[in-house]
Amino acid sequence: MKPALFLLTCGASVLCALPADQVKTVAGVLEGTVAPASTVRVFKGVPFAAPPVGDLRWRSPEPVAKWGGVRKADAWGPRCLQGKIFGDMVFREQGMGEDCLYLNIWTPVKAASKPLPVFVWYHGGGFAAGSGSEPRYDGEALARLGVVVVNVNYRLGIFGFFAHPELTRESSHGASGNYGLLDQVEALRWVRANIAGFGGDPGRVTIGGESAGSFSVSALMASPLTKGLIQGAIGESGAFLSGPGGTLEPKSLKDAEADGAKFAAAIGAPTLAELRAKKAEDLLAELSKGGPRGFGPIIDGWCLPENPAQVYAAGAQAHVPLLAGWNSSEMGMAVAMNPQKPTAASFPALLATRFKDQAGAALKVYKAGTDEEAQQSAADLFSDQFIGHGTWKWIEEQVRTGKAPVYRFQFDRFLPEASGSNRFGASHAAEIEYVFSTLDSKPAQWQSEDRRTAAATTAYWANFIKNGDPNGPGLARWPEFGKTHQVMHLDASPKAAPEAHRERHLFLESLKP
């Protein structure tokens, strides 16, 4: 039956079944694809909000317009506008633009006897780069284990996190910025309204992300806008709890508005009308010319009424099961690749520069008895201050409230590099291909140990998404962190061990005002 005649005949009747590769959403019918010999159907480039262009630039996402007929979901949607920032990102879509609010869905071909749990993934990239089309994020392996995977684009940089006094005045909520976070919330609302058609359970949604995606998860758990939309959370390397001056620390609305006004004046477009009239490509080009250019999440009084750290301190965040952790040497590469390596003699001076009168206390936890120990301590310090400590604090606060189980991991698996870049351990983002079992998306000399690590890691994640508990048949036991202070070390032979180096985080915590 032709699509138009099919829709005319069926209308909105629930008695008229769609073909197996088609799904009816609130906006219209989508048709997915199945690769040869695959047991997973993929829907690519699914619009979950109206294109944020023209007058919708720097506004909360609007519902996607309805369409007639059958929309082919066989091509990745454009990635959100961004510069060339990270060399490890590989994109498969055709180009980028402001019209970028698309998501991708992986779901088993064979219908399950009951609705499946849903995993909504937010990519990393410092809130400035990234895309759901990156092959390392493919959800096929998780879908084969009985999970519906949803991979989301969200506005980035100046398009996703630009605040301005005029934007605040025109908002019915008295807020501006955080459009990227609002896109993430809108995707959750879309999932609630539509995922049942893809075999998913709208009442069993786990959100997850890495780096900026993990920061996003911590923020969404603290936002009143996600109430009732999430039932579990996974965070890989990052959270908004590191304290003042920490990585990606959210700005106040006042400071973000001031930065926005300075940027607007610097590019000769001081009014909102002039800013919206600017070509998107020109705005992106202006970001490379100096001045206030850092655009990220904001304590806007609406999406984030308070700093997430305050929300967690008060125990007012979402009390859902949390699986979180970080890699064994997130920033060790910075030491390994620096020809000027710290020594037992020079490292104390570095601590004195960073910690002033607390340098002596720092040296007790970041020891430097030998040159080798000093280099390891430098790798540990940079990793802790970059990502580790904020993630540690997130886990600690979630445990302290005691209302949902918490599972903590450390990802240890890494491939030896000829350059020695992995000398200190698994670096930032190293776990992604293992979580999704997408090792072959990246050229490397993969070993059987890597395959085993990926199989176990993907299984742990799938179990957690299904049950709020990563444990399952054939896997090493993963104890709850809150009950045991045991951390699961993910490698070819995963094993739990007592938390190590707690004294480092207690020291960093003692520095906060």
Protein backbone atom coordinates (compact mmCIF):
# COMPACT_ATOMS: atom_id res chain seq x y z
CA MET A 1 0.00 0.00 0.00
CA LYS A 2 1.36 3.45 -0.89
CA PRO A 3 2.24 5.57 2.19
CA ALA A 4 -0.36 8.29 1.57
CA LEU A 5 -3.16 5.77 0.91
CA PHE A 6 -2.03 3.71 3.92
CA LEU A 7 -2.29 6.72 6.24
CA LEU A 8 -5.63 7.80 4.77
CA THR A 9 -7.02 4.32 5.32
CA CYS A 10 -5.59 3.82 8.81
CA GLY A 11 -5.88 7.33 10.23
CA ALA A 12 -5.29 7.24 13.95
CA SER A 13 -6.81 3.81 14.46
CA VAL A 14 -4.82 1.57 16.77
CA LEU A 15 -6.39 -1.41 15.00
CA CYS A 16 -4.42 -0.82 11.81
CA ALA A 17 -0.95 -2.36 12.19
CA LEU A 18 2.07 -0.72 10.62
CA PRO A 19 4.67 -2.76 8.73
CA ALA A 20 7.40 -4.14 11.02
CA ASP A 21 9.95 -1.52 9.99
CA GLN A 22 7.59 1.43 10.59
CA VAL A 23 6.65 3.20 13.83
CA LYS A 24 3.98 5.83 14.40
CA THR A 25 5.15 8.76 16.52
CA VAL A 26 3.22 11.80 17.67
CA ALA A 27 4.54 13.71 14.64
CA GLY A 28 4.18 11.00 12.00
CA VAL A 29 5.32 7.61 10.75
CA LEU A 30 9.02 6.68 10.67
CA GLU A 31 10.63 3.87 8.71
CA GLY A 32 13.86 2.39 10.04
CA THR A 33 16.47 0.08 8.54
CA VAL A 34 18.00 -3.29 9.36
CA ALA A 35 21.51 -4.15 8.23
CA PRO A 36 21.98 -7.57 6.59
CA ALA A 37 22.20 -10.37 9.18
CA SER A 38 21.48 -7.89 11.98
CA THR A 39 18.93 -8.45 14.73
CA VAL A 40 18.68 -4.72 15.44
CA ARG A 41 16.61 -2.07 13.68
CA VAL A 42 18.03 1.46 13.51
CA PHE A 43 16.13 4.74 13.13
CA LYS A 44 18.56 7.53 12.19
CA GLY A 45 18.01 11.27 12.09
CA VAL A 46 14.71 11.31 13.97
CA PRO A 47 13.63 14.92 14.69
CA PHE A 48 12.63 15.42 18.33
CA ALA A 49 12.12 19.22 18.20
CA ALA A 50 11.57 21.96 15.67
CA PRO A 51 14.71 23.31 13.98
CA PRO A 52 16.04 26.06 16.31
CA VAL A 53 16.62 28.56 13.50
CA GLY A 54 15.54 32.13 12.80
CA ASP A 55 13.42 33.44 15.67
CA LEU A 56 13.83 30.08 17.43
CA ARG A 57 17.57 30.60 17.81
CA TRP A 58 18.28 30.82 21.56
CA ARG A 59 14.81 29.73 22.56
CA SER A 60 13.60 26.64 24.39
CA PRO A 61 13.02 23.75 21.98
CA GLU A 62 9.61 23.68 20.33
CA PRO A 63 7.69 20.50 19.36
CA VAL A 64 8.58 19.03 16.00
CA ALA A 65 6.09 19.74 13.21
CA LYS A 66 3.93 16.86 12.01
CA TRP A 67 4.56 15.33 8.61
CA GLY A 68 2.47 13.32 6.21
CA GLY A 69 3.33 10.00 4.64
CA VAL A 70 6.25 7.88 5.81
CA ARG A 71 9.50 9.56 6.76
CA LYS A 72 12.62 7.52 6.01
CA ALA A 73 14.87 7.34 9.08
CA ASP A 74 17.90 6.01 7.22
CA ALA A 75 20.39 8.90 7.42
CA TRP A 76 22.11 10.64 10.33
CA GLY A 77 20.78 14.11 11.10
CA PRO A 78 23.20 17.04 10.78
CA ARG A 79 25.50 17.57 13.76
CA CYS A 80 25.15 20.77 15.74
CA LEU A 81 27.43 23.64 14.74
CA GLN A 82 30.92 23.34 16.19
CA GLY A 83 34.57 23.95 15.48
CA LYS A 84 37.24 21.33 14.90
CA ILE A 85 38.27 20.76 18.51
CA PHE A 86 38.87 17.10 19.32
CA GLY A 87 40.88 14.80 17.08
CA ASP A 88 39.24 11.59 18.31
CA MET A 89 35.81 12.52 16.95
CA VAL A 90 34.66 10.82 13.75
CA PHE A 91 31.39 11.99 12.18
CA ARG A 92 29.17 10.19 9.67
CA GLU A 93 26.46 12.74 8.92
CA GLN A 94 26.47 15.02 5.90
CA GLY A 95 27.48 18.39 7.30
CA MET A 96 26.31 20.42 10.25
CA GLY A 97 23.97 23.30 10.96
CA GLU A 98 21.59 24.94 13.41
CA ASP A 99 18.91 22.48 12.31
CA CYS A 100 20.44 19.65 14.34
CA LEU A 101 17.94 18.43 16.94
CA TYR A 102 17.84 14.80 15.90
CA LEU A 103 18.22 11.51 17.72
CA ASN A 104 18.98 7.93 16.70
CA ILE A 105 17.34 4.75 18.01
CA TRP A 106 18.49 1.13 18.13
CA THR A 107 15.88 -1.48 19.00
CA PRO A 108 15.70 -5.27 18.61
CA VAL A 109 13.99 -6.50 15.45
CA LYS A 110 12.18 -9.25 17.31
CA ALA A 111 9.40 -7.86 19.48
CA ALA A 112 9.86 -8.62 23.18
CA SER A 113 7.12 -10.07 25.36
CA LYS A 114 7.11 -6.85 27.40
CA PRO A 115 8.43 -3.31 26.89
CA LEU A 116 12.22 -2.98 27.10
CA PRO A 117 14.25 -0.58 29.25
CA VAL A 118 15.52 2.55 27.53
CA PHE A 119 19.02 4.08 27.57
CA VAL A 120 19.25 7.75 26.55
CA TRP A 121 22.86 8.73 25.78
CA TYR A 122 24.38 12.24 25.71
CA HIS A 123 27.72 12.57 23.91
CA GLY A 124 30.79 14.30 25.29
CA GLY A 125 32.79 17.15 23.83
CA GLY A 126 33.00 19.92 26.43
CA PHE A 127 29.55 21.29 25.44
CA ALA A 128 31.33 22.55 22.33
CA ALA A 129 31.63 19.50 20.05
CA GLY A 130 30.36 16.00 19.39
CA SER A 131 27.53 14.20 17.62
CA GLY A 132 25.23 11.24 17.93
CA SER A 133 26.58 9.97 14.61
CA GLU A 134 29.98 9.04 16.05
CA PRO A 135 30.42 5.30 15.40
CA ARG A 136 31.80 4.68 18.89
CA TYR A 137 28.31 5.43 20.28
CA ASP A 138 26.41 2.88 18.17
CA GLY A 139 23.79 1.16 20.29
CA GLU A 140 23.61 -2.18 18.47
CA ALA A 141 25.43 -4.27 21.08
CA LEU A 142 23.25 -2.97 23.91
CA ALA A 143 20.13 -3.48 21.79
CA ARG A 144 21.12 -7.11 21.24
CA LEU A 145 21.09 -7.46 25.04
CA GLY A 146 17.52 -6.19 25.27
CA VAL A 147 17.88 -2.41 25.59
CA VAL A 148 16.36 0.32 23.42
CA VAL A 149 19.15 2.88 22.89
CA VAL A 150 18.49 6.55 22.11
CA ASN A 151 21.45 8.73 21.14
CA VAL A 152 20.79 12.50 21.24
CA ASN A 153 22.18 15.63 19.58
CA TYR A 154 21.93 18.89 21.55
CA ARG A 155 22.91 22.48 20.77
CA LEU A 156 26.54 23.35 21.52
CA GLY A 157 28.74 26.33 22.30
CA ILE A 158 27.28 29.72 21.51
CA PHE A 159 24.12 28.16 20.07
CA GLY A 160 23.50 26.00 23.12
CA PHE A 161 24.66 28.15 26.03
CA PHE A 162 24.52 31.82 25.10
CA ALA A 163 23.00 34.16 27.69
CA HIS A 164 22.13 37.82 27.14
CA PRO A 165 20.07 40.37 29.09
CA GLU A 166 17.55 40.64 26.24
CA LEU A 167 17.16 36.88 26.11
CA THR A 168 16.45 36.84 29.82
CA ARG A 169 13.86 39.60 29.49
CA GLU A 170 12.00 37.87 26.66
CA SER A 171 11.88 34.55 28.52
CA SER A 172 8.70 33.79 30.46
CA HIS A 173 10.97 32.11 33.02
CA GLY A 174 13.39 35.04 33.39
CA ALA A 175 16.25 32.82 32.22
CA SER A 176 18.62 32.52 29.28
CA GLY A 177 21.29 30.08 28.17
CA ASN A 178 21.13 26.33 28.83
CA TYR A 179 19.43 25.67 25.50
CA GLY A 180 21.61 22.59 25.11
CA LEU A 181 20.40 21.22 28.45
CA LEU A 182 16.82 22.08 27.51
CA ASP A 183 17.31 20.07 24.31
CA GLN A 184 18.38 17.13 26.46
CA VAL A 185 15.21 17.51 28.54
CA GLU A 186 13.07 17.79 25.39
CA ALA A 187 14.58 14.53 24.13
CA LEU A 188 13.45 12.86 27.37
CA ARG A 189 9.95 14.23 26.85
CA TRP A 190 10.00 12.89 23.30
CA VAL A 191 11.05 9.50 24.63
CA ARG A 192 8.23 9.54 27.18
CA ALA A 193 5.68 10.25 24.43
CA ASN A 194 7.01 7.99 21.67
CA ILE A 195 9.38 5.24 22.78
CA ALA A 196 6.64 2.65 23.35
CA GLY A 197 6.26 2.42 19.59
CA PHE A 198 9.88 1.31 19.35
CA GLY A 199 9.42 -1.40 21.96
CA GLY A 200 10.65 0.71 24.87
CA ASP A 201 9.18 1.26 28.31
CA PRO A 202 8.68 5.02 28.95
CA GLY A 203 8.66 4.28 32.67
CA ARG A 204 12.14 2.70 32.66
CA VAL A 205 14.52 5.30 31.27
CA THR A 206 18.19 5.45 32.25
CA ILE A 207 20.21 8.47 31.14
CA GLY A 208 23.94 8.26 30.53
CA GLY A 209 26.88 10.15 29.15
CA GLU A 210 30.64 10.61 29.08
CA SER A 211 32.62 13.76 29.89
CA ALA A 212 30.25 16.67 29.08
CA GLY A 213 27.56 14.01 28.72
CA SER A 214 28.30 12.84 32.27
CA PHE A 215 28.26 16.45 33.51
CA SER A 216 24.86 16.66 31.80
CA VAL A 217 23.59 13.60 33.65
CA SER A 218 24.59 15.13 36.99
CA ALA A 219 22.82 18.36 36.01
CA LEU A 220 19.65 16.65 34.79
CA MET A 221 19.43 14.77 38.08
CA ALA A 222 19.52 18.17 39.81
CA SER A 223 17.01 19.88 37.50
CA PRO A 224 13.32 20.15 38.40
CA LEU A 225 12.47 19.84 34.70
CA THR A 226 13.30 16.11 34.60
CA LYS A 227 11.08 15.06 37.50
CA GLY A 228 9.53 11.70 36.68
CA LEU A 229 11.43 11.37 33.38
CA ILE A 230 14.42 9.31 34.56
CA GLN A 231 14.66 6.11 36.57
CA GLY A 232 18.42 5.53 36.48
CA ALA A 233 21.69 7.30 35.66
CA ILE A 234 25.15 6.40 34.35
CA GLY A 235 28.04 8.85 34.52
CA GLU A 236 31.42 8.29 32.90
CA SER A 237 34.04 10.85 33.91
CA GLY A 238 32.47 14.11 34.98
CA ALA A 239 30.02 15.92 37.26
CA PHE A 240 29.21 19.48 38.31
CA LEU A 241 30.46 18.97 41.86
CA SER A 242 34.16 19.76 41.67
CA GLY A 243 33.75 23.17 43.31
CA PRO A 244 34.74 26.73 42.37
CA GLY A 245 37.07 26.88 39.39
CA GLY A 246 36.49 23.23 38.51
CA THR A 247 36.14 21.82 35.02
CA LEU A 248 33.06 23.21 33.23
CA GLU A 249 31.86 24.85 36.46
CA PRO A 250 28.52 26.53 35.63
CA LYS A 251 28.42 30.33 35.58
CA SER A 252 25.90 32.50 37.32
CA LEU A 253 23.24 34.00 35.06
CA LYS A 254 24.60 37.48 35.79
CA ASP A 255 28.13 36.55 34.69
CA ALA A 256 26.87 34.66 31.65
CA GLU A 257 24.73 37.65 30.59
CA ALA A 258 27.73 39.94 30.95
CA ASP A 259 29.86 37.63 28.81
CA GLY A 260 27.09 37.44 26.23
CA ALA A 261 26.76 41.22 26.07
CA LYS A 262 30.54 41.59 25.69
CA PHE A 263 30.58 39.06 22.87
CA ALA A 264 27.69 40.78 21.11
CA ALA A 265 29.39 44.18 21.34
CA ALA A 266 32.70 42.73 20.13
CA ILE A 267 31.14 41.38 16.93
CA GLY A 268 29.14 44.56 16.24
CA ALA A 269 25.72 43.09 17.00
CA PRO A 270 24.78 44.48 20.42
CA THR A 271 21.01 43.84 20.16
CA LEU A 272 19.21 40.52 20.12
CA ALA A 273 17.64 41.31 16.76
CA GLU A 274 21.08 41.88 15.26
CA LEU A 275 22.40 38.70 16.85
CA ARG A 276 19.57 36.61 15.44
CA ALA A 277 20.10 38.19 12.02
CA LYS A 278 23.73 37.01 11.97
CA LYS A 279 24.51 33.96 9.89
CA ALA A 280 25.21 30.95 12.08
CA GLU A 281 28.51 30.33 10.30
CA ASP A 282 29.60 33.91 11.06
CA LEU A 283 28.82 33.49 14.75
CA LEU A 284 30.85 30.30 14.81
CA ALA A 285 33.75 32.02 13.07
CA GLU A 286 33.74 34.84 15.60
CA LEU A 287 34.48 32.39 18.40
CA SER A 288 38.09 32.08 17.26
CA LYS A 289 38.89 35.79 17.59
CA GLY A 290 39.51 36.13 21.32
CA GLY A 291 37.50 37.79 24.09
CA PRO A 292 34.81 36.06 26.18
CA ARG A 293 34.24 32.83 24.28
CA GLY A 294 33.49 30.11 26.83
CA PHE A 295 29.84 29.06 26.56
CA GLY A 296 28.62 26.29 28.85
CA PRO A 297 25.88 25.51 31.38
CA ILE A 298 24.52 28.33 33.52
CA ILE A 299 22.75 28.59 36.86
CA ASP A 300 19.81 30.19 35.10
CA GLY A 301 17.14 29.95 37.80
CA TRP A 302 14.92 27.64 35.75
CA CYS A 303 16.63 24.60 34.23
CA LEU A 304 19.26 24.90 36.96
CA PRO A 305 17.70 26.93 39.77
CA GLU A 306 20.84 26.43 41.87
CA ASN A 307 24.37 25.18 41.43
CA PRO A 308 24.05 21.38 41.17
CA ALA A 309 26.50 21.03 44.06
CA GLN A 310 24.03 22.83 46.32
CA VAL A 311 21.16 20.65 45.13
CA TYR A 312 23.10 17.50 45.96
CA ALA A 313 24.26 18.90 49.29
CA ALA A 314 20.60 19.40 50.21
CA GLY A 315 19.68 15.92 48.99
CA ALA A 316 17.20 17.43 46.54
CA GLN A 317 18.46 15.62 43.41
CA ALA A 318 16.74 12.68 41.73
CA HIS A 319 17.14 9.63 43.94
CA VAL A 320 17.64 6.98 41.29
CA PRO A 321 20.22 4.19 41.00
CA LEU A 322 23.57 5.58 39.88
CA LEU A 323 26.49 3.85 38.18
CA ALA A 324 29.44 6.22 37.91
CA GLY A 325 33.20 6.41 37.87
CA TRP A 326 36.21 7.49 35.87
CA ASN A 327 39.32 6.17 34.15
CA SER A 328 42.56 5.25 35.87
CA SER A 329 44.56 8.17 34.45
CA GLU A 330 42.25 10.72 32.85
CA MET A 331 44.99 13.30 32.29
CA GLY A 332 48.10 11.16 32.60
CA MET A 333 48.78 11.83 28.94
CA ALA A 334 49.56 15.46 29.79
CA VAL A 335 52.49 14.27 31.90
CA ALA A 336 53.54 11.37 29.68
CA MET A 337 53.75 13.56 26.56
CA ASN A 338 55.35 16.59 28.21
CA PRO A 339 59.14 16.63 27.69
CA GLN A 340 59.49 18.69 30.89
CA LYS A 341 58.46 16.04 33.37
CA PRO A 342 58.22 16.78 37.09
CA THR A 343 60.92 15.44 39.39
CA ALA A 344 61.24 14.87 43.11
CA ALA A 345 62.97 18.25 43.25
CA SER A 346 60.55 20.25 41.04
CA PHE A 347 57.18 18.79 41.98
CA PRO A 348 56.96 20.49 45.41
CA ALA A 349 57.33 23.85 43.66
CA LEU A 350 54.41 22.96 41.38
CA LEU A 351 52.32 22.15 44.45
CA ALA A 352 53.35 25.44 46.06
CA THR A 353 52.13 27.31 42.98
CA ARG A 354 48.79 25.49 42.97
CA PHE A 355 48.07 25.21 46.68
CA LYS A 356 50.04 28.04 48.32
CA ASP A 357 50.07 27.49 52.09
CA GLN A 358 48.46 24.06 51.66
CA ALA A 359 51.37 22.73 49.60
CA GLY A 360 52.73 20.73 52.51
CA ALA A 361 49.41 18.97 52.98
CA ALA A 362 49.25 18.34 49.23
CA LEU A 363 52.68 16.69 49.26
CA LYS A 364 51.46 14.22 51.87
CA VAL A 365 48.82 12.86 49.50
CA TYR A 366 50.60 13.50 46.18
CA LYS A 367 53.99 12.14 47.17
CA ALA A 368 57.29 12.84 45.42
CA GLY A 369 59.95 10.74 47.10
CA THR A 370 61.46 9.81 43.73
CA ASP A 371 61.25 11.19 40.21
CA GLU A 372 59.03 8.28 39.22
CA GLU A 373 56.72 8.88 42.17
CA ALA A 374 56.58 12.60 41.36
CA GLN A 375 55.50 11.87 37.79
CA GLN A 376 52.81 9.45 38.94
CA SER A 377 51.58 12.01 41.48
CA ALA A 378 51.46 14.71 38.81
CA ALA A 379 49.37 12.42 36.58
CA ASP A 380 47.09 11.69 39.54
CA LEU A 381 46.75 15.36 40.50
CA PHE A 382 45.93 16.53 36.98
CA SER A 383 43.41 13.68 36.59
CA ASP A 384 41.77 14.40 39.94
CA GLN A 385 41.42 18.13 39.34
CA PHE A 386 40.27 17.67 35.75
CA ILE A 387 37.54 15.03 36.22
CA GLY A 388 38.12 12.58 39.04
CA HIS A 389 37.31 14.71 42.05
CA GLY A 390 34.00 16.08 40.76
CA THR A 391 32.88 12.56 39.88
CA TRP A 392 34.02 11.32 43.30
CA LYS A 393 32.00 14.04 45.01
CA TRP A 394 28.92 13.20 42.93
CA ILE A 395 29.13 9.58 44.04
CA GLU A 396 29.73 10.60 47.65
CA GLU A 397 26.70 12.87 47.76
CA GLN A 398 24.47 10.27 46.13
CA VAL A 399 25.63 7.72 48.71
CA ARG A 400 25.21 10.16 51.59
CA THR A 401 21.51 10.65 50.89
CA GLY A 402 21.11 6.86 51.04
CA LYS A 403 17.93 6.58 48.97
CA ALA A 404 19.13 4.57 45.95
CA PRO A 405 21.99 2.16 45.20
CA VAL A 406 25.28 3.51 43.89
CA TYR A 407 27.87 1.51 41.93
CA ARG A 408 31.34 2.98 41.37
CA PHE A 409 33.87 1.91 38.75
CA GLN A 410 37.43 2.60 37.67
CA PHE A 411 38.21 1.80 34.04
CA ASP A 412 41.71 0.32 33.85
CA ARG A 413 42.01 -1.21 30.39
CA PHE A 414 44.26 0.54 27.89
CA LEU A 415 46.30 -0.34 24.84
CA PRO A 416 50.04 0.28 25.00
CA GLU A 417 51.02 3.15 22.72
CA ALA A 418 54.38 3.49 21.02
CA SER A 419 54.44 7.12 22.17
CA GLY A 420 54.05 6.09 25.80
CA SER A 421 50.94 8.28 26.12
CA ASN A 422 49.18 5.62 28.20
CA ARG A 423 52.08 5.14 30.56
CA PHE A 424 50.04 6.07 33.63
CA GLY A 425 46.80 4.27 32.73
CA ALA A 426 43.52 4.60 30.82
CA SER A 427 43.08 8.16 29.61
CA HIS A 428 39.98 10.30 29.21
CA ALA A 429 37.30 8.75 26.93
CA ALA A 430 39.20 5.43 26.67
CA GLU A 431 36.21 3.44 27.96
CA ILE A 432 33.64 4.49 25.34
CA GLU A 433 34.32 1.79 22.74
CA TYR A 434 34.23 -0.83 25.48
CA VAL A 435 30.92 0.37 26.93
CA PHE A 436 29.22 0.14 23.52
CA SER A 437 31.31 -2.83 22.26
CA THR A 438 32.33 -0.74 19.26
CA LEU A 439 36.05 -1.53 19.27
CA ASP A 440 36.07 -2.02 15.51
CA SER A 441 34.89 1.56 14.97
CA LYS A 442 38.46 2.60 15.79
CA PRO A 443 41.65 1.30 14.17
CA ALA A 444 43.83 -0.32 16.83
CA GLN A 445 45.70 -3.53 17.55
CA TRP A 446 42.87 -4.96 19.62
CA GLN A 447 43.71 -8.02 21.69
CA SER A 448 41.51 -10.82 23.02
CA GLU A 449 41.71 -9.06 26.41
CA ASP A 450 40.05 -6.02 24.87
CA ARG A 451 37.21 -8.13 23.53
CA ARG A 452 36.67 -9.65 26.96
CA THR A 453 36.74 -6.22 28.61
CA ALA A 454 34.17 -4.91 26.13
CA ALA A 455 31.87 -7.91 26.54
CA ALA A 456 31.88 -7.60 30.33
CA THR A 457 31.51 -3.81 30.37
CA THR A 458 28.60 -3.81 27.93
CA ALA A 459 26.90 -6.57 29.93
CA TYR A 460 27.31 -4.64 33.20
CA TRP A 461 25.81 -1.52 31.60
CA ALA A 462 22.92 -3.49 30.08
CA ASN A 463 22.12 -5.14 33.41
CA PHE A 464 22.14 -1.80 35.20
CA ILE A 465 19.84 -0.26 32.60
CA LYS A 466 17.46 -3.19 33.01
CA ASN A 467 17.50 -3.60 36.78
CA GLY A 468 19.31 -0.69 38.44
CA ASP A 469 21.99 -3.28 39.31
CA PRO A 470 24.96 -4.20 37.06
CA ASN A 471 25.23 -7.77 38.32
CA GLY A 472 24.21 -10.77 36.27
CA PRO A 473 25.10 -14.33 35.28
CA GLY A 474 28.71 -14.93 34.22
CA LEU A 475 30.01 -11.64 35.61
CA ALA A 476 32.26 -10.92 38.57
CA ARG A 477 30.25 -9.60 41.50
CA TRP A 478 29.99 -5.78 41.60
CA PRO A 479 29.23 -4.66 45.19
CA GLU A 480 27.25 -1.53 46.01
CA PHE A 481 29.72 1.22 46.79
CA GLY A 482 27.59 2.80 49.50
CA LYS A 483 27.47 -0.42 51.47
CA THR A 484 31.05 -1.65 50.97
CA HIS A 485 33.29 1.17 49.60
CA GLN A 486 34.29 -1.37 46.95
CA VAL A 487 35.13 -0.12 43.46
CA MET A 488 34.77 -2.31 40.38
CA HIS A 489 37.95 -2.24 38.29
CA LEU A 490 37.02 -2.85 34.67
CA ASP A 491 39.59 -4.79 32.67
CA ALA A 492 39.85 -8.17 30.95
CA SER A 493 39.18 -9.78 34.34
CA PRO A 494 36.97 -7.29 36.22
CA LYS A 495 37.35 -7.33 39.99
CA ALA A 496 36.14 -5.33 42.96
CA ALA A 497 38.63 -3.82 45.39
CA PRO A 498 38.50 -1.41 48.33
CA GLU A 499 38.48 2.29 47.43
CA ALA A 500 42.01 3.63 47.05
CA HIS A 501 43.37 7.17 47.41
CA ARG A 502 40.43 8.55 49.35
CA GLU A 503 42.87 10.85 51.12
CA ARG A 504 43.51 12.74 47.88
CA HIS A 505 39.85 13.62 47.48
CA LEU A 506 39.44 14.54 51.12
CA PHE A 507 42.36 16.94 50.71
CA LEU A 508 40.84 18.54 47.60
CA GLU A 509 37.50 18.73 49.36
CA SER A 510 39.13 20.54 52.30
CA LEU A 511 40.21 23.37 49.99
CA LYS A 512 36.66 24.38 49.04
CA PRO A 513 35.35 27.57 50.67
